[in-house]
Structures are given as C-alpha cells and as structure tokens.
C-alpha cells in the first residue's frame, strides 16, 4: 500500500474545489493506493504520471522504493500541463 502526499500547489487547488468535485477527486486519488499503475498513464518525455478525473487532471510522481505517491498538481485539462 502506498502513502499519498500532496504538494502545496495541489493542496491549494484541492481546497478550492466544490464539495461534490472534491469528494470525487479525493476518492479517486485514495483508490490508487493499492495498485497505482492500473489507473495512471505516463506523461511523454517525463518521469511523471497523470490521472484523469472528470474535467481535472492530476500529475503524480510515484516513488516505488519508498511506497509513496506524490500529488504534484491538480488542475483543469486545458492548463495543468503548462
């Protein structure tokens, strides 16, 4: 089981979400703790992963040796990759 850690930027965006969206995003992020690579897709040219949730994208770094998932950014699809 992996431990989940949020960056300051991701936590800030998560806190601004509506209650309904925050619940969905939180549940989906929590669900990847068992087997994260089942839901994640590798970003081209980077060592990061992405998770699709509704109209949001979550940029994630997975540290397998430490059993840690770091949520780097959460944002809308159109501008999260900038």
PDB file of N, CA and C in Angstrom:
ATOM      1  N   UNK A   1       0.850  -1.174   0.000  1.00  0.00           N
ATOM      2  CA  UNK A   1       0.000   0.000   0.000  1.00  0.00           C
ATOM      3  C   UNK A   1       0.899   1.242   0.000  1.00  0.00           C
ATOM      4  N   UNK A   2       0.524   2.207  -0.811  1.00  0.00           N
ATOM      5  CA  UNK A   2       1.300   3.430  -0.960  1.00  0.00           C
ATOM      6  C   UNK A   2       0.750   4.540  -0.063  1.00  0.00           C
ATOM      7  N   UNK A   3       1.639   5.385   0.395  1.00  0.00           N
ATOM      8  CA  UNK A   3       1.292   6.562   1.178  1.00  0.00           C
ATOM      9  C   UNK A   3       1.128   7.732   0.208  1.00  0.00           C
ATOM     10  N   UNK A   4       0.108   8.565   0.382  1.00  0.00           N
ATOM     11  CA  UNK A   4      -0.165   9.689  -0.518  1.00  0.00           C
ATOM     12  C   UNK A   4       0.236  10.990   0.148  1.00  0.00           C
ATOM     13  N   UNK A   5       0.961  11.815  -0.610  1.00  0.00           N
ATOM     14  CA  UNK A   5       1.416  13.114  -0.125  1.00  0.00           C
ATOM     15  C   UNK A   5       1.057  14.177  -1.172  1.00  0.00           C
ATOM     16  N   UNK A   6       0.540  15.313  -0.727  1.00  0.00           N
ATOM     17  CA  UNK A   6       0.155  16.406  -1.621  1.00  0.00           C
ATOM     18  C   UNK A   6       1.203  17.512  -1.579  1.00  0.00           C
ATOM     19  N   UNK A   7       1.510  18.082  -2.739  1.00  0.00           N
ATOM     20  CA  UNK A   7       2.348  19.280  -2.769  1.00  0.00           C
ATOM     21  C   UNK A   7       1.487  20.465  -2.332  1.00  0.00           C
ATOM     22  N   UNK A   8       2.116  21.560  -2.028  1.00  0.00           N
ATOM     23  CA  UNK A   8       1.386  22.755  -1.590  1.00  0.00           C
ATOM     24  C   UNK A   8       0.432  23.241  -2.697  1.00  0.00           C
ATOM     25  N   UNK A   9       0.908  23.230  -3.942  1.00  0.00           N
ATOM     26  CA  UNK A   9       0.090  23.679  -5.071  1.00  0.00           C
ATOM     27  C   UNK A   9      -1.132  22.785  -5.256  1.00  0.00           C
ATOM     28  N   UNK A  10      -0.945  21.479  -5.156  1.00  0.00           N
ATOM     29  CA  UNK A  10      -2.060  20.540  -5.315  1.00  0.00           C
ATOM     30  C   UNK A  10      -3.067  20.692  -4.181  1.00  0.00           C
ATOM     31  N   UNK A  11      -2.582  20.864  -2.975  1.00  0.00           N
ATOM     32  CA  UNK A  11      -3.468  21.028  -1.818  1.00  0.00           C
ATOM     33  C   UNK A  11      -4.291  22.312  -1.947  1.00  0.00           C
ATOM     34  N   UNK A  12      -3.665  23.356  -2.443  1.00  0.00           N
ATOM     35  CA  UNK A  12      -4.342  24.641  -2.611  1.00  0.00           C
ATOM     36  C   UNK A  12      -5.489  24.519  -3.622  1.00  0.00           C
ATOM     37  N   UNK A  13      -5.236  23.857  -4.757  1.00  0.00           N
ATOM     38  CA  UNK A  13      -6.278  23.675  -5.764  1.00  0.00           C
ATOM     39  C   UNK A  13      -7.385  22.763  -5.236  1.00  0.00           C
ATOM     40  N   UNK A  14      -7.002  21.709  -4.525  1.00  0.00           N
ATOM     41  CA  UNK A  14      -7.978  20.765  -3.976  1.00  0.00           C
ATOM     42  C   UNK A  14      -8.922  21.462  -3.001  1.00  0.00           C
ATOM     43  N   UNK A  15      -8.389  22.356  -2.191  1.00  0.00           N
ATOM     44  CA  UNK A  15      -9.220  23.081  -1.221  1.00  0.00           C
ATOM     45  C   UNK A  15     -10.206  24.026  -1.891  1.00  0.00           C
ATOM     46  N   UNK A  16      -9.922  24.468  -3.104  1.00  0.00           N
ATOM     47  CA  UNK A  16     -10.811  25.384  -3.828  1.00  0.00           C
ATOM     48  C   UNK A  16     -11.931  24.665  -4.584  1.00  0.00           C
ATOM     49  N   UNK A  17     -11.850  23.349  -4.703  1.00  0.00           N
ATOM     50  CA  UNK A  17     -12.870  22.596  -5.425  1.00  0.00           C
ATOM     51  C   UNK A  17     -14.200  22.628  -4.675  1.00  0.00           C
ATOM     52  N   UNK A  18     -15.278  22.462  -5.442  1.00  0.00           N
ATOM     53  CA  UNK A  18     -16.590  22.350  -4.803  1.00  0.00           C
ATOM     54  C   UNK A  18     -16.627  21.056  -3.989  1.00  0.00           C
ATOM     55  N   UNK A  19     -17.539  20.979  -3.048  1.00  0.00           N
ATOM     56  CA  UNK A  19     -17.621  19.799  -2.182  1.00  0.00           C
ATOM     57  C   UNK A  19     -17.844  18.522  -2.992  1.00  0.00           C
ATOM     58  N   UNK A  20     -18.701  18.616  -4.008  1.00  0.00           N
ATOM     59  CA  UNK A  20     -19.009  17.452  -4.842  1.00  0.00           C
ATOM     60  C   UNK A  20     -17.765  16.977  -5.593  1.00  0.00           C
ATOM     61  N   UNK A  21     -17.068  17.908  -6.257  1.00  0.00           N
ATOM     62  CA  UNK A  21     -15.872  17.547  -7.018  1.00  0.00           C
ATOM     63  C   UNK A  21     -14.739  17.106  -6.102  1.00  0.00           C
ATOM     64  N   UNK A  22     -14.597  17.744  -4.948  1.00  0.00           N
ATOM     65  CA  UNK A  22     -13.541  17.384  -4.007  1.00  0.00           C
ATOM     66  C   UNK A  22     -13.736  15.952  -3.511  1.00  0.00           C
ATOM     67  N   UNK A  23     -14.966  15.559  -3.291  1.00  0.00           N
ATOM     68  CA  UNK A  23     -15.244  14.199  -2.841  1.00  0.00           C
ATOM     69  C   UNK A  23     -14.857  13.188  -3.913  1.00  0.00           C
ATOM     70  N   UNK A  24     -15.227  13.469  -5.162  1.00  0.00           N
ATOM     71  CA  UNK A  24     -14.916  12.555  -6.264  1.00  0.00           C
ATOM     72  C   UNK A  24     -13.413  12.461  -6.479  1.00  0.00           C
ATOM     73  N   UNK A  25     -12.740  13.606  -6.512  1.00  0.00           N
ATOM     74  CA  UNK A  25     -11.289  13.624  -6.726  1.00  0.00           C
ATOM     75  C   UNK A  25     -10.574  12.931  -5.569  1.00  0.00           C
ATOM     76  N   UNK A  26     -10.977  13.219  -4.353  1.00  0.00           N
ATOM     77  CA  UNK A  26     -10.355  12.597  -3.186  1.00  0.00           C
ATOM     78  C   UNK A  26     -10.517  11.088  -3.167  1.00  0.00           C
ATOM     79  N   UNK A  27     -11.709  10.609  -3.508  1.00  0.00           N
ATOM     80  CA  UNK A  27     -11.949   9.169  -3.533  1.00  0.00           C
ATOM     81  C   UNK A  27     -11.114   8.481  -4.609  1.00  0.00           C
ATOM     82  N   UNK A  28     -11.008   9.128  -5.769  1.00  0.00           N
ATOM     83  CA  UNK A  28     -10.231   8.532  -6.864  1.00  0.00           C
ATOM     84  C   UNK A  28      -8.745   8.481  -6.520  1.00  0.00           C
ATOM     85  N   UNK A  29      -8.223   9.565  -5.937  1.00  0.00           N
ATOM     86  CA  UNK A  29      -6.812   9.571  -5.535  1.00  0.00           C
ATOM     87  C   UNK A  29      -6.569   8.518  -4.464  1.00  0.00           C
ATOM     88  N   UNK A  30      -7.487   8.381  -3.535  1.00  0.00           N
ATOM     89  CA  UNK A  30      -7.347   7.388  -2.476  1.00  0.00           C
ATOM     90  C   UNK A  30      -7.430   5.959  -3.022  1.00  0.00           C
ATOM     91  N   UNK A  31      -8.180   5.763  -4.112  1.00  0.00           N
ATOM     92  CA  UNK A  31      -8.355   4.419  -4.663  1.00  0.00           C
ATOM     93  C   UNK A  31      -7.097   3.883  -5.342  1.00  0.00           C
ATOM     94  N   UNK A  32      -6.153   4.740  -5.696  1.00  0.00           N
ATOM     95  CA  UNK A  32      -4.954   4.256  -6.381  1.00  0.00           C
ATOM     96  C   UNK A  32      -3.880   3.800  -5.402  1.00  0.00           C
ATOM     97  N   UNK A  33      -4.146   3.839  -4.121  1.00  0.00           N
ATOM     98  CA  UNK A  33      -3.153   3.447  -3.110  1.00  0.00           C
ATOM     99  C   UNK A  33      -2.741   1.979  -3.236  1.00  0.00           C
ATOM    100  N   UNK A  34      -3.644   1.110  -3.603  1.00  0.00           N
ATOM    101  CA  UNK A  34      -3.354  -0.320  -3.702  1.00  0.00           C
ATOM    102  C   UNK A  34      -2.486  -0.645  -4.919  1.00  0.00           C
ATOM    103  N   UNK A  35      -2.922  -0.231  -6.093  1.00  0.00           N
ATOM    104  CA  UNK A  35      -2.216  -0.531  -7.339  1.00  0.00           C
ATOM    105  C   UNK A  35      -2.245   0.716  -8.224  1.00  0.00           C
ATOM    106  N   UNK A  36      -1.336   1.656  -8.034  1.00  0.00           N
ATOM    107  CA  UNK A  36      -1.418   2.928  -8.736  1.00  0.00           C
ATOM    108  C   UNK A  36      -1.259   2.826 -10.244  1.00  0.00           C
ATOM    109  N   UNK A  37      -0.480   1.889 -10.732  1.00  0.00           N
ATOM    110  CA  UNK A  37      -0.196   1.841 -12.162  1.00  0.00           C
ATOM    111  C   UNK A  37      -1.367   1.322 -12.984  1.00  0.00           C
ATOM    112  N   UNK A  38      -2.380   0.836 -12.335  1.00  0.00           N
ATOM    113  CA  UNK A  38      -3.581   0.384 -13.033  1.00  0.00           C
ATOM    114  C   UNK A  38      -4.340   1.570 -13.631  1.00  0.00           C
ATOM    115  N   UNK A  39      -4.316   2.717 -12.969  1.00  0.00           N
ATOM    116  CA  UNK A  39      -5.096   3.871 -13.397  1.00  0.00           C
ATOM    117  C   UNK A  39      -4.254   4.977 -14.016  1.00  0.00           C
ATOM    118  N   UNK A  40      -2.944   4.933 -13.847  1.00  0.00           N
ATOM    119  CA  UNK A  40      -2.084   6.023 -14.280  1.00  0.00           C
ATOM    120  C   UNK A  40      -1.575   5.811 -15.695  1.00  0.00           C
ATOM    121  N   UNK A  41      -1.311   6.931 -16.370  1.00  0.00           N
ATOM    122  CA  UNK A  41      -0.721   6.901 -17.703  1.00  0.00           C
ATOM    123  C   UNK A  41       0.528   7.770 -17.671  1.00  0.00           C
ATOM    124  N   UNK A  42       1.593   7.301 -18.286  1.00  0.00           N
ATOM    125  CA  UNK A  42       2.878   8.003 -18.287  1.00  0.00           C
ATOM    126  C   UNK A  42       2.809   9.245 -19.164  1.00  0.00           C
ATOM    127  N   UNK A  43       3.361  10.352 -18.683  1.00  0.00           N
ATOM    128  CA  UNK A  43       3.457  11.567 -19.486  1.00  0.00           C
ATOM    129  C   UNK A  43       4.637  11.430 -20.434  1.00  0.00           C
ATOM    130  N   UNK A  44       4.450  11.863 -21.669  1.00  0.00           N
ATOM    131  CA  UNK A  44       5.504  11.757 -22.668  1.00  0.00           C
ATOM    132  C   UNK A  44       6.690  12.635 -22.310  1.00  0.00           C
ATOM    133  N   UNK A  45       7.878  12.059 -22.379  1.00  0.00           N
ATOM    134  CA  UNK A  45       9.099  12.815 -22.154  1.00  0.00           C
ATOM    135  C   UNK A  45       9.385  13.178 -20.711  1.00  0.00           C
ATOM    136  N   UNK A  46       8.612  12.665 -19.773  1.00  0.00           N
ATOM    137  CA  UNK A  46       8.815  12.978 -18.358  1.00  0.00           C
ATOM    138  C   UNK A  46       8.714  11.693 -17.543  1.00  0.00           C
ATOM    139  N   UNK A  47       9.152  11.766 -16.314  1.00  0.00           N
ATOM    140  CA  UNK A  47       9.062  10.620 -15.420  1.00  0.00           C
ATOM    141  C   UNK A  47       7.875  10.777 -14.483  1.00  0.00           C
ATOM    142  N   UNK A  48       6.840  11.438 -14.962  1.00  0.00           N
ATOM    143  CA  UNK A  48       5.640  11.677 -14.170  1.00  0.00           C
ATOM    144  C   UNK A  48       4.473  10.925 -14.776  1.00  0.00           C
ATOM    145  N   UNK A  49       3.401  10.838 -14.016  1.00  0.00           N
ATOM    146  CA  UNK A  49       2.194  10.130 -14.420  1.00  0.00           C
ATOM    147  C   UNK A  49       1.005  11.073 -14.343  1.00  0.00           C
ATOM    148  N   UNK A  50      -0.061  10.721 -15.048  1.00  0.00           N
ATOM    149  CA  UNK A  50      -1.284  11.511 -14.974  1.00  0.00           C
ATOM    150  C   UNK A  50      -2.459  10.609 -14.644  1.00  0.00           C
ATOM    151  N   UNK A  51      -3.417  11.213 -13.965  1.00  0.00           N
ATOM    152  CA  UNK A  51      -4.643  10.527 -13.590  1.00  0.00           C
ATOM    153  C   UNK A  51      -5.798  11.400 -14.051  1.00  0.00           C
ATOM    154  N   UNK A  52      -6.730  10.832 -14.796  1.00  0.00           N
ATOM    155  CA  UNK A  52      -7.893  11.572 -15.286  1.00  0.00           C
ATOM    156  C   UNK A  52      -9.044  11.413 -14.299  1.00  0.00           C
ATOM    157  N   UNK A  53      -9.614  12.560 -13.901  1.00  0.00           N
ATOM    158  CA  UNK A  53     -10.785  12.552 -13.019  1.00  0.00           C
ATOM    159  C   UNK A  53     -11.715  13.659 -13.502  1.00  0.00           C
ATOM    160  N   UNK A  54     -12.843  13.292 -14.070  1.00  0.00           N
ATOM    161  CA  UNK A  54     -13.803  14.247 -14.612  1.00  0.00           C
ATOM    162  C   UNK A  54     -13.090  15.203 -15.571  1.00  0.00           C
ATOM    163  N   UNK A  55     -13.206  16.508 -15.339  1.00  0.00           N
ATOM    164  CA  UNK A  55     -12.546  17.504 -16.187  1.00  0.00           C
ATOM    165  C   UNK A  55     -11.185  17.901 -15.638  1.00  0.00           C
ATOM    166  N   UNK A  56     -10.726  17.193 -14.625  1.00  0.00           N
ATOM    167  CA  UNK A  56      -9.456  17.506 -13.970  1.00  0.00           C
ATOM    168  C   UNK A  56      -8.393  16.482 -14.342  1.00  0.00           C
ATOM    169  N   UNK A  57      -7.138  16.906 -14.234  1.00  0.00           N
ATOM    170  CA  UNK A  57      -6.005  16.002 -14.395  1.00  0.00           C
ATOM    171  C   UNK A  57      -5.131  16.149 -13.158  1.00  0.00           C
ATOM    172  N   UNK A  58      -4.611  15.040 -12.697  1.00  0.00           N
ATOM    173  CA  UNK A  58      -3.739  15.021 -11.524  1.00  0.00           C
ATOM    174  C   UNK A  58      -2.374  14.542 -12.001  1.00  0.00           C
ATOM    175  N   UNK A  59      -1.347  15.344 -11.780  1.00  0.00           N
ATOM    176  CA  UNK A  59       0.018  14.988 -12.143  1.00  0.00           C
ATOM    177  C   UNK A  59       0.667  14.376 -10.904  1.00  0.00           C
ATOM    178  N   UNK A  60       1.201  13.176 -11.076  1.00  0.00           N
ATOM    179  CA  UNK A  60       1.656  12.372  -9.950  1.00  0.00           C
ATOM    180  C   UNK A  60       3.076  11.868 -10.195  1.00  0.00           C
ATOM    181  N   UNK A  61       3.845  11.794  -9.127  1.00  0.00           N
ATOM    182  CA  UNK A  61       5.145  11.139  -9.144  1.00  0.00           C
ATOM    183  C   UNK A  61       5.052   9.946  -8.193  1.00  0.00           C
ATOM    184  N   UNK A  62       5.475   8.785  -8.658  1.00  0.00           N
ATOM    185  CA  UNK A  62       5.399   7.570  -7.848  1.00  0.00           C
ATOM    186  C   UNK A  62       6.814   7.147  -7.470  1.00  0.00           C
ATOM    187  N   UNK A  63       7.066   7.084  -6.185  1.00  0.00           N
ATOM    188  CA  UNK A  63       8.352   6.610  -5.671  1.00  0.00           C
ATOM    189  C   UNK A  63       8.146   5.183  -5.171  1.00  0.00           C
ATOM    190  N   UNK A  64       8.462   4.219  -6.019  1.00  0.00           N
ATOM    191  CA  UNK A  64       8.197   2.814  -5.713  1.00  0.00           C
ATOM    192  C   UNK A  64       9.039   2.352  -4.533  1.00  0.00           C
ATOM    193  N   UNK A  65      10.298   2.780  -4.465  1.00  0.00           N
ATOM    194  CA  UNK A  65      11.181   2.312  -3.395  1.00  0.00           C
ATOM    195  C   UNK A  65      10.723   2.776  -2.015  1.00  0.00           C
ATOM    196  N   UNK A  66      10.032   3.914  -1.954  1.00  0.00           N
ATOM    197  CA  UNK A  66       9.559   4.450  -0.674  1.00  0.00           C
ATOM    198  C   UNK A  66       8.065   4.209  -0.458  1.00  0.00           C
ATOM    199  N   UNK A  67       7.409   3.531  -1.412  1.00  0.00           N
ATOM    200  CA  UNK A  67       5.961   3.311  -1.356  1.00  0.00           C
ATOM    201  C   UNK A  67       5.218   4.626  -1.153  1.00  0.00           C
ATOM    202  N   UNK A  68       5.543   5.602  -1.978  1.00  0.00           N
ATOM    203  CA  UNK A  68       4.954   6.930  -1.825  1.00  0.00           C
ATOM    204  C   UNK A  68       4.427   7.438  -3.165  1.00  0.00           C
ATOM    205  N   UNK A  69       3.242   8.032  -3.125  1.00  0.00           N
ATOM    206  CA  UNK A  69       2.647   8.705  -4.275  1.00  0.00           C
ATOM    207  C   UNK A  69       2.611  10.189  -3.929  1.00  0.00           C
ATOM    208  N   UNK A  70       3.238  11.009  -4.759  1.00  0.00           N
ATOM    209  CA  UNK A  70       3.262  12.449  -4.523  1.00  0.00           C
ATOM    210  C   UNK A  70       2.377  13.115  -5.562  1.00  0.00           C
ATOM    211  N   UNK A  71       1.328  13.773  -5.111  1.00  0.00           N
ATOM    212  CA  UNK A  71       0.431  14.515  -5.989  1.00  0.00           C
ATOM    213  C   UNK A  71       1.052  15.898  -6.179  1.00  0.00           C
ATOM    214  N   UNK A  72       1.568  16.154  -7.380  1.00  0.00           N
ATOM    215  CA  UNK A  72       2.273  17.396  -7.650  1.00  0.00           C
ATOM    216  C   UNK A  72       1.335  18.534  -8.045  1.00  0.00           C
ATOM    217  N   UNK A  73       0.405  18.241  -8.959  1.00  0.00           N
ATOM    218  CA  UNK A  73      -0.522  19.277  -9.441  1.00  0.00           C
ATOM    219  C   UNK A  73      -1.890  18.678  -9.689  1.00  0.00           C
ATOM    220  N   UNK A  74      -2.895  19.479  -9.444  1.00  0.00           N
ATOM    221  CA  UNK A  74      -4.269  19.157  -9.824  1.00  0.00           C
ATOM    222  C   UNK A  74      -4.764  20.372 -10.590  1.00  0.00           C
ATOM    223  N   UNK A  75      -5.416  20.146 -11.707  1.00  0.00           N
ATOM    224  CA  UNK A  75      -5.913  21.284 -12.460  1.00  0.00           C
ATOM    225  C   UNK A  75      -6.825  20.853 -13.586  1.00  0.00           C
ATOM    226  N   UNK A  76      -7.331  21.841 -14.308  1.00  0.00           N
ATOM    227  CA  UNK A  76      -8.170  21.584 -15.464  1.00  0.00           C
ATOM    228  C   UNK A  76      -7.310  21.045 -16.595  1.00  0.00           C
ATOM    229  N   UNK A  77      -7.901  20.226 -17.424  1.00  0.00           N
ATOM    230  CA  UNK A  77      -7.186  19.576 -18.505  1.00  0.00           C
ATOM    231  C   UNK A  77      -6.468  20.558 -19.408  1.00  0.00           C
ATOM    232  N   UNK A  78      -7.081  21.687 -19.672  1.00  0.00           N
ATOM    233  CA  UNK A  78      -6.520  22.625 -20.651  1.00  0.00           C
ATOM    234  C   UNK A  78      -5.253  23.337 -20.177  1.00  0.00           C
ATOM    235  N   UNK A  79      -5.022  23.422 -18.869  1.00  0.00           N
ATOM    236  CA  UNK A  79      -3.846  24.172 -18.421  1.00  0.00           C
ATOM    237  C   UNK A  79      -2.995  23.483 -17.364  1.00  0.00           C
ATOM    238  N   UNK A  80      -3.252  22.245 -17.041  1.00  0.00           N
ATOM    239  CA  UNK A  80      -2.461  21.576 -15.996  1.00  0.00           C
ATOM    240  C   UNK A  80      -1.073  21.191 -16.512  1.00  0.00           C
ATOM    241  N   UNK A  81      -0.917  21.033 -17.816  1.00  0.00           N
ATOM    242  CA  UNK A  81       0.360  20.602 -18.371  1.00  0.00           C
ATOM    243  C   UNK A  81       1.319  21.752 -18.638  1.00  0.00           C
ATOM    244  N   UNK A  82       0.883  22.982 -18.453  1.00  0.00           N
ATOM    245  CA  UNK A  82       1.746  24.152 -18.725  1.00  0.00           C
ATOM    246  C   UNK A  82       2.845  24.286 -17.704  1.00  0.00           C
TER     247      UNK A  82
END
